Structure formats: structure tokens, C-alpha cells
Amino acid sequence: MSGRPGKRREKVAVLGGGMAGLSAAWRLSEPGWQDRYESITVYQRGWRLGGKGASSRGPHGRIEEHGLHVWLGCYDNAFAVLRECYAEIDRATTDPRCPIADWSDAFLPADTIGLAEQWGDDWQVWLGRFTQNDELPGEPGLTGREMTVPDFMQRAVRMVLDFADSVRDAGPVGLTLSTSPDAKGPTPWAEVLRSGLIAAALALTEPQDGDRAPTALLDSVMERLRATIDYDHRSDHRRTWLLISMVTATIRGMFVDKVATDPRGFKALNDEDFTSWIMRHGAHPDVLGFPLLRGLYDFVFGHVDGDHDRPQMGAGIAVFLIGLALFQYRGSIFWKMTAGMGDVVIAPMYQALRSRGVRFEFFHRIDGLHLDNQRQMIEAITVGRQVRLADGLGEYEPLVTVGGLPVFPDVPDGTQLAEADRTRIPDWHLLETPWGRAYDVESIRLRRGVDFDRVVLAMSVGILPYVAGELIADQRSWQEMTAHIRTVATQSFQLWLRPDEKSLGWTEHGVTTSGYIPPFETWASMGQTLWAEQWPTDDGPRSVAYFCGTLAADPPPREFDPDYLPRHRARVVADAVTHLDNHVATYLPGATTDAGFAWHLLVGAGNLTGADALVTQHVSVNVDPSDRYVQAVPGSDRYRLRPDEGGYDNVVLCGDWTDCGWNAGCIEAAVISGLEAANALLGRGRFHRIRGWHLP
């Protein structure tokens, strides 16, 4: 294509191959893109795409994740992009042997979650099932704009009514939540709740003489309910009471703080921590120990510096995410991937983008962004070229095939590298950190007007102080953004066990649980992925368990410290061994002995025990500045920059750290931000073809 006559087509450089950068490239490379742009190039360090969503394949094709990846049923933009991607690559025609032909093969609904609750010295997992509905996430034509602040308040009341009616005294699932009122044998105390909250809901939606009238009615309902229920520490009634107390405090707070009429919407609450906010608005003191509240903070890694005694999350983003998760999920509240995220999300995105003509420069680490003399544009980009490709090879192909599925391997394909580079790097994973400069083959400088014209900055906020020093020194908004938006290190490990979960004492297959003992407060049953791995038939796993949590790690050093990664890895391994020896029996009692964890059950561990056995599994230590999770601590929201607020003429921003509407560390935020960044480059409105009701 020659492009538009008389106008030079621009080159776009996408710096970072995580989900935000890939989403920006997806929107920019829609049909006809060559009329506007000469090239779109994604620069990626190492040999894998995906960022914090990356995964790869290790021994026996086992899936090795960055951490636990579960999508919410309200991720309409992420699902929409993925569905478009699968439709475009059309594997049923182009790759009929691939076992995952469509997005519906890639995800399974997961409607049961667990919350760990401590009773004295004992722990029990409290299971909850969310009723599935007939919708599908990412459906064409959905706007997703159903939820307003008043609507949230009404839906919250309705949810409590459904919850009250569905509590069961028997069965493995302790509660059921439905999006539609469907009473199932209500108890007398639930009738008190239903009649009182219906009146309160009506009061909240009608004009009142004073601010306190509806909240006074709520207080009256809560007092009547508290006098009616059985408040034994172990009873389902108590759990219901705490949920009701938490939700009614939220409703009361939104009313008293006039969120419905504040032009900032939910953002008006983001300077205060969610727990402090609901306590200020009358939540019962016992809510502080409520597993649902702890699980909420665990879900967003909401612990400052990894310290579980410092839970922090902005009240506005908490209410916003709760509302979307509970009231706008489609199909199921959670969707779990049937293989690795790199397999079913990132690899198809790469294949579709390559087919569109997007270029990928792997083994290119971004080291510096440089301004022009007028300090109006990015003039140059310093890049560390990490390896040379084999003679005659124009581009590196990152995917291999395992069981017919295109996937990313855990190390680069040496046959595609120059012979001298195949053995000179002692640890390939150093190429996926900022500390591998000693092994670079050269430092190159990309120049504006030659190698790029426009820049999509799709790197994590955690890495910006390392690469964007000139921009931070130049603009106060960048200084405040990098100073106030906090990140936290995370850790995870995966186990492949010979027995199935039932034999190990767990009967609810596919559950994700949280709120347990740190530092591995979250555990997930992930047996749905085993079909995609290639284990020996005579010695393969029948269950796989993922554990993850925040990590209290030292700040990453600016220069390479050879002790930094090994020191944190040794600590994670030691803490994981302690966790397995002392705490895993809550979930898998059959995996323990009188001496601690039953190490002989691990596939691949042989006769090894303890740390030696654990390192035969997969351990992920996410201390790299780019790998750290972006938090939503109180007071930080105001310092986020929108994707179109980069402050320089040829730069747009994208990532879950931007002010994109969701403003929380998750795939949906990354996708929305990437689409917004592309919209800005294309001269479109910020929310052009983006679904969902967003923060102002």
C-alpha cells in the first residue's frame, strides 16, 4: 500500500508486549491500518510476550505461570478483544488439529469461591457459589453501561435479600448468590431482613427531608435483625449478618457521602481506605475479621510493601470493583483458563497481530527514553539488544507446539540464535529483567523520524524510574505519578501431585480460595489445565495446585546485584516449604503426614524433600520492577495519568497503572488502557468502542 498521497506514513513503536501493549496494537492494526501507518513494531525484552500475564512450558510441557490468572465475568473488553482475535485467526480452518479452536474452548466458568475462616486455632474454608446466568462476556453489541451509583445501591440491597434467602445449614456449599430474587425457603430472620431492606431500598430512592432518614431506617432494620439471628461464631447466620453489615455500611456511606450526586462518582471515595470507610459508616466491628473482607484485599494484593498488617485499598475503587464483579458478571463470576494464559490468550494475540503485519522485535530491552531539545517529544529510545539472530533470520518466532497447541517455551529456541549466543548466557531468565545488560550484544539508539514517530509506552509504572528519568525530571505529573502509585512484589508456586483432589481430601473441584494464612493466602485448584500437558502415562499428576500471595521484598536495585534475585528466591522457597509443612492440611489433608508435607506425592521430586523437592516444581518470584503488581492505595488515584495525558506530543500511555476507568491491577484495566491509548493516537474519543461504565 502506498498510503495517502502527499503525507508520509508514520511508524509506531509499542514499548512492551504485555496485555496493554498488545491491546493497543490490536486496535491500531485494524483493517486499513497501512493507509495511516508505515509500521507498527512491538519491542519486547526476552523471548516471551504477556508481561504479568505471561506463561511458558517447562518439563513435560507443564504450564508455568507468572502467578494465578483468573478472569472475572465482567471483563467485557478483555473478552471482546479475545473473541475478535479467535474469530480472526479461525483455527478451525487454519489449524484444525489445534485443541483450542475458539475462545469458548479456552475458558471454563468457575462459579464457586472459597474464603478461609479461622476459629481459634482451626481454619475452615467457607464455600460460596454464585448462580450462573445465560449471558456471555464480551458479546457483540453490549455496552456494559448498566451500573450507576444509585443502581449499585439498589442492586446491593437486592443481593443481600437473595443472600439471606439462600443460606443453607447443610451441604458443601455454604451460600448461594443470585442476580435475581428467588426465595428458597426463607427463614424467619430472613423475613425480617427482607421486609426491612425493601423499605430501606425504597427510602434510598425517594426524596427525603433529611440526609439521615434512609440510613436511620437501615439502622432500625439492622437492630431488628441482630436481635433475631443465631450469632454463634460458627453459624451461617453470623456470616450473613457480617455480609449484611458490610453491604449496608457501604450503602449508608454512599448515601451520606452523596456519591450519587458527586461529579467524580466513585472516585470521590478514593482518598480513604475501604475498611476505614465502612467502619466510619457503621459496619459492625466483627467485620474487621470477616473473611470476605480479607479476601477482597488479597484479591488485589492490597498490602502495602507486602505487609498484611497494612491492608490498603481506595474505598471508591473497592466499591466500583465489588459492584462490577457481583452485579455485572456474565455467565459466571469467574472464568478459568483451560491451559496457560500464554497459551490461550497471549499466543493467539501474537498470531493474529503477526497476520495483520505487526512486527515484533524480541530480545530488545528498553533502557532509556530521551527528550528533544524543546522537551516536547520523545526524540530517541535506548535499547539493549540482548542476542543476535541466526544468519538469514529476519524475525524470531517465539512459539513452539505442545500437544497441537502453540505456546511459549520456558527458554529461547537456540536454533534461531546466532551460534555464539546459544551458550554464552548463564541464565536465560536474566533477559526478562532490567539487570541483564552485561550479556547484551550491543546498545542501539532508535531515532524519531527514522525508526519511530509515535510511541505507545506500554511498560509497567514500576520500571519507569529506571528508563524514563528524563521525563520524570521534566514534568511534575510524572514525578508525582511515579512517587505515589505503589507496586508490590508477589510470589507463587505450583505443585503437580499424583493423587486426585478427592483422594487428598478436597471435593469441590475447580475452587479458588483466599483469605488464608500469609504469605500464600490464595490457593486454587487448577486441574482443568492438566489435559494440555504431556506427562508420562505411568507417572503423571492427577491434580495441580497453585498458591500465591504478596511478597515483602526490598526495593529493586538500579544496578545489577547478583545476590538480589537468589536471596528473594531462597526466602520464597523457604516460606513455601513452611506453608506446606504446617498449613496445607486445611485444603489437602491427604497431602500431609505426621512429619509435615508428603513430598513423595510430588511428580518429579523423586526422593527429595523440603526445598530440594519444591524447586523441582515451579516457583515464581516477582520482584522485577515490571513484574510487581500495581496497587490502588488510598490517595494514589489522583496521580494516575490518562492514556492521552503523557505530556509529550508523540507519546501515549497504557497499562493498568493509568487512569483508564478501572484503575486497578487487572487484565481488564490493561486492555481498556491499551484501547484508549490507540484511540488517542487515532484521534478518536477516549471511550470509542469501549464497553462499560467507568469512573469519570
Foldseek 3Di string as FASTA:
>chain_A
DCADPPDDAFEEEEEAQALLSLLLLLLCLPPPNVNRHVAYEYEAFFQAGHQQQAWAADPLRAIFHLADDWDFLLLQLQVQSLQVLLVLVQCVPVPVQAQDNGLVQFKDFDFKAWFWADDPPDIAIAIEGEDFDDFGRNDPPFFAAPDAPLNLLLQLLQQLLQFQQFADPDDPHGTYTYSDRDHDPHDPLSVLSVVQSVVLNVVLPDDDPDLCVSVVSVVVSLVVSVVPDDCPVPDSSVLSSQSSLQSSLVSSLCSNVVLNPDLQRLVVQQQDFQVVSSVVSGRDPCNVSRRVVLQLQFVQLQAALQDPVRGFFGNSLSSVVVSSLRNPRHRHRIMHTLARSQQSPVVSSVVSSVVSPHHYDYQWHWQAFDADPVRFAGFKTKIFRQFAFDPPDDHADQWDDFSSTTGGHPHGDLNGTHPVPSPPDPDSCVSNFPAPNVRTPDMDMGGDPPRGPFYEHEFDLLCCVRYYVVLCVPDVLNVLLSVQFDWFWKKKFKFFFADAQVLQPADDAFYWYASCDPPFRIKTWNQSRQVRGRDDPVFGGNTMMMTMHTDNADQDDSYDDVVRVVVQVVVSQQVVLVCQFPPCCSRGVSQADPRGGVLVRTGQQHPDDRSSSRVSTHMNTQNGSRNTFTGRGRPSLVSAAAQLPSSHDRYGYADLCHQQFSNGGHSSRSSSRSNQNSCVVVVHDSCVPNHHDGRD
